[in-house]
Amino acid sequence: MSHTVAAELVANVLKVEVEVGAKVSATDPVVILESMKMEIPVLADVAGVVVEVIATQGDVVTDGDPLVVIEQA
């Protein structure tokens, strides 16, 4: 079953911390967002393997935009 990790606010994608094929645990940072000069880590909600990275560095995302898709373990 796949799970999509989404942005929770309007922000810039500062850094993508994972790539396709990476194993992640719940609470691992997958993307770092920047808003109002603050760095906000976006954490994986589930453990599994990254099957798609949608966000790229420099993107502007809004609340609900998909960032990463994880296939649950």
N, C-alpha and C. Protein backbone atom coordinates (compact mmCIF):
# COMPACT_ATOMS: atom_id res chain seq x y z
N MET A 1 0.85 -1.18 0.00
CA MET A 1 0.00 0.00 0.00
C MET A 1 0.89 1.24 0.00
N SER A 2 0.62 2.20 -0.88
CA SER A 2 1.44 3.40 -0.92
C SER A 2 0.82 4.52 -0.09
N HIS A 3 1.72 5.35 0.39
CA HIS A 3 1.33 6.49 1.22
C HIS A 3 2.05 7.73 0.69
N THR A 4 1.30 8.80 0.53
CA THR A 4 1.87 10.05 0.03
C THR A 4 2.14 11.00 1.19
N VAL A 5 3.37 11.48 1.27
CA VAL A 5 3.73 12.50 2.25
C VAL A 5 3.50 13.84 1.59
N ALA A 6 2.71 14.70 2.24
CA ALA A 6 2.32 15.98 1.64
C ALA A 6 2.84 17.16 2.45
N ALA A 7 2.94 18.30 1.79
CA ALA A 7 3.33 19.55 2.45
C ALA A 7 2.19 19.98 3.38
N GLU A 8 2.56 20.62 4.47
CA GLU A 8 1.56 21.08 5.44
C GLU A 8 1.41 22.61 5.44
N LEU A 9 2.19 23.29 4.57
CA LEU A 9 2.13 24.74 4.52
C LEU A 9 2.72 25.22 3.20
N VAL A 10 2.55 26.49 2.93
CA VAL A 10 3.16 27.10 1.75
C VAL A 10 4.63 27.34 2.08
N ALA A 11 5.52 26.81 1.24
CA ALA A 11 6.95 26.92 1.53
C ALA A 11 7.76 26.61 0.27
N ASN A 12 9.06 26.86 0.37
CA ASN A 12 10.01 26.47 -0.68
C ASN A 12 10.64 25.15 -0.29
N VAL A 13 10.91 24.29 -1.27
CA VAL A 13 11.63 23.05 -1.00
C VAL A 13 13.11 23.41 -0.93
N LEU A 14 13.67 23.30 0.27
CA LEU A 14 15.07 23.64 0.49
C LEU A 14 15.97 22.46 0.12
N LYS A 15 15.55 21.24 0.51
CA LYS A 15 16.37 20.06 0.26
C LYS A 15 15.50 18.81 0.28
N VAL A 16 15.79 17.90 -0.64
CA VAL A 16 15.13 16.59 -0.64
C VAL A 16 16.11 15.62 0.00
N GLU A 17 15.68 14.97 1.07
CA GLU A 17 16.57 14.12 1.88
C GLU A 17 16.60 12.66 1.43
N VAL A 18 15.69 12.24 0.54
CA VAL A 18 15.61 10.83 0.13
C VAL A 18 15.63 10.71 -1.39
N GLU A 19 15.87 9.50 -1.86
CA GLU A 19 15.79 9.22 -3.29
C GLU A 19 15.00 7.93 -3.46
N VAL A 20 14.58 7.66 -4.68
CA VAL A 20 13.82 6.45 -4.96
C VAL A 20 14.65 5.23 -4.55
N GLY A 21 14.00 4.31 -3.85
CA GLY A 21 14.67 3.10 -3.38
C GLY A 21 15.16 3.18 -1.95
N ALA A 22 15.15 4.37 -1.37
CA ALA A 22 15.62 4.54 0.01
C ALA A 22 14.62 3.94 0.99
N LYS A 23 15.14 3.25 2.01
CA LYS A 23 14.29 2.73 3.07
C LYS A 23 14.17 3.83 4.13
N VAL A 24 12.93 4.07 4.58
CA VAL A 24 12.69 5.08 5.61
C VAL A 24 11.90 4.49 6.76
N SER A 25 12.13 5.03 7.93
CA SER A 25 11.35 4.69 9.10
C SER A 25 10.36 5.82 9.34
N ALA A 26 9.29 5.52 10.06
CA ALA A 26 8.37 6.58 10.43
C ALA A 26 9.18 7.60 11.23
N THR A 27 8.97 8.86 10.99
CA THR A 27 9.65 10.01 11.60
C THR A 27 11.00 10.36 10.96
N ASP A 28 11.44 9.65 9.93
CA ASP A 28 12.65 10.06 9.21
C ASP A 28 12.32 11.31 8.37
N PRO A 29 13.22 12.29 8.33
CA PRO A 29 12.96 13.46 7.46
C PRO A 29 13.09 13.07 5.99
N VAL A 30 12.12 13.48 5.18
CA VAL A 30 12.16 13.17 3.75
C VAL A 30 12.41 14.42 2.91
N VAL A 31 11.93 15.57 3.39
CA VAL A 31 12.11 16.84 2.69
C VAL A 31 12.29 17.93 3.75
N ILE A 32 13.12 18.92 3.44
CA ILE A 32 13.26 20.09 4.29
C ILE A 32 12.63 21.26 3.55
N LEU A 33 11.64 21.90 4.18
CA LEU A 33 10.99 23.07 3.60
C LEU A 33 11.54 24.32 4.26
N GLU A 34 11.43 25.45 3.57
CA GLU A 34 11.86 26.74 4.12
C GLU A 34 10.71 27.72 3.97
N SER A 35 10.35 28.32 5.10
CA SER A 35 9.30 29.33 5.10
C SER A 35 9.65 30.39 6.13
N MET A 36 9.60 31.63 5.72
CA MET A 36 9.92 32.75 6.60
C MET A 36 11.29 32.57 7.27
N LYS A 37 12.26 32.09 6.48
CA LYS A 37 13.65 31.88 6.92
C LYS A 37 13.78 30.81 8.00
N MET A 38 12.78 29.95 8.13
CA MET A 38 12.84 28.83 9.07
C MET A 38 12.89 27.52 8.27
N GLU A 39 13.70 26.59 8.72
CA GLU A 39 13.75 25.27 8.09
C GLU A 39 12.77 24.35 8.80
N ILE A 40 11.90 23.71 8.01
CA ILE A 40 10.87 22.84 8.56
C ILE A 40 11.04 21.44 7.97
N PRO A 41 11.44 20.47 8.80
CA PRO A 41 11.56 19.10 8.28
C PRO A 41 10.18 18.47 8.10
N VAL A 42 9.98 17.79 6.98
CA VAL A 42 8.76 17.03 6.74
C VAL A 42 9.14 15.57 6.97
N LEU A 43 8.44 14.92 7.88
CA LEU A 43 8.79 13.57 8.28
C LEU A 43 7.92 12.52 7.61
N ALA A 44 8.50 11.34 7.41
CA ALA A 44 7.72 10.21 6.89
C ALA A 44 6.70 9.82 7.95
N ASP A 45 5.49 9.53 7.51
CA ASP A 45 4.43 9.11 8.44
C ASP A 45 4.46 7.60 8.67
N VAL A 46 5.06 6.88 7.73
CA VAL A 46 5.07 5.42 7.76
C VAL A 46 6.46 4.91 7.41
N ALA A 47 6.73 3.67 7.78
CA ALA A 47 7.98 3.03 7.39
C ALA A 47 7.78 2.34 6.05
N GLY A 48 8.83 2.31 5.24
CA GLY A 48 8.73 1.65 3.95
C GLY A 48 9.85 2.05 3.02
N VAL A 49 9.58 1.94 1.72
CA VAL A 49 10.56 2.25 0.68
C VAL A 49 10.02 3.39 -0.19
N VAL A 50 10.86 4.37 -0.46
CA VAL A 50 10.46 5.50 -1.31
C VAL A 50 10.33 5.00 -2.74
N VAL A 51 9.12 5.19 -3.33
CA VAL A 51 8.89 4.74 -4.70
C VAL A 51 8.79 5.90 -5.68
N GLU A 52 8.58 7.11 -5.16
CA GLU A 52 8.52 8.29 -6.03
C GLU A 52 8.88 9.54 -5.23
N VAL A 53 9.73 10.37 -5.82
CA VAL A 53 10.06 11.68 -5.24
C VAL A 53 9.49 12.72 -6.19
N ILE A 54 8.49 13.45 -5.71
CA ILE A 54 7.78 14.42 -6.54
C ILE A 54 8.41 15.81 -6.41
N ALA A 55 8.79 16.17 -5.20
CA ALA A 55 9.36 17.49 -4.94
C ALA A 55 10.80 17.57 -5.42
N THR A 56 11.19 18.74 -5.89
CA THR A 56 12.59 18.99 -6.22
C THR A 56 13.02 20.29 -5.56
N GLN A 57 14.30 20.39 -5.30
CA GLN A 57 14.85 21.57 -4.65
C GLN A 57 14.47 22.82 -5.46
N GLY A 58 13.98 23.84 -4.75
CA GLY A 58 13.59 25.08 -5.39
C GLY A 58 12.11 25.19 -5.70
N ASP A 59 11.38 24.06 -5.65
CA ASP A 59 9.93 24.11 -5.87
C ASP A 59 9.24 24.95 -4.80
N VAL A 60 8.13 25.54 -5.16
CA VAL A 60 7.24 26.19 -4.20
C VAL A 60 6.04 25.28 -4.04
N VAL A 61 5.75 24.88 -2.80
CA VAL A 61 4.64 23.97 -2.54
C VAL A 61 3.60 24.65 -1.66
N THR A 62 2.38 24.16 -1.74
CA THR A 62 1.30 24.67 -0.89
C THR A 62 0.76 23.52 -0.05
N ASP A 63 -0.08 23.85 0.89
CA ASP A 63 -0.68 22.87 1.78
C ASP A 63 -1.35 21.75 0.98
N GLY A 64 -0.94 20.52 1.22
CA GLY A 64 -1.54 19.37 0.55
C GLY A 64 -0.81 18.88 -0.67
N ASP A 65 0.17 19.64 -1.17
CA ASP A 65 0.93 19.19 -2.35
C ASP A 65 1.74 17.94 -2.01
N PRO A 66 1.70 16.92 -2.88
CA PRO A 66 2.48 15.70 -2.61
C PRO A 66 3.97 15.96 -2.76
N LEU A 67 4.75 15.35 -1.87
CA LEU A 67 6.21 15.51 -1.90
C LEU A 67 6.91 14.19 -2.22
N VAL A 68 6.51 13.14 -1.53
CA VAL A 68 7.16 11.83 -1.66
C VAL A 68 6.11 10.73 -1.51
N VAL A 69 6.28 9.64 -2.26
CA VAL A 69 5.39 8.48 -2.12
C VAL A 69 6.20 7.33 -1.54
N ILE A 70 5.65 6.72 -0.47
CA ILE A 70 6.32 5.62 0.23
C ILE A 70 5.44 4.37 0.12
N GLU A 71 6.06 3.26 -0.28
CA GLU A 71 5.38 1.96 -0.26
C GLU A 71 5.59 1.38 1.13
N GLN A 72 4.49 1.21 1.86
CA GLN A 72 4.58 0.75 3.24
C GLN A 72 5.15 -0.64 3.35
N ALA A 73 5.95 -0.84 4.39
CA ALA A 73 6.58 -2.15 4.65
C ALA A 73 5.57 -3.11 5.23
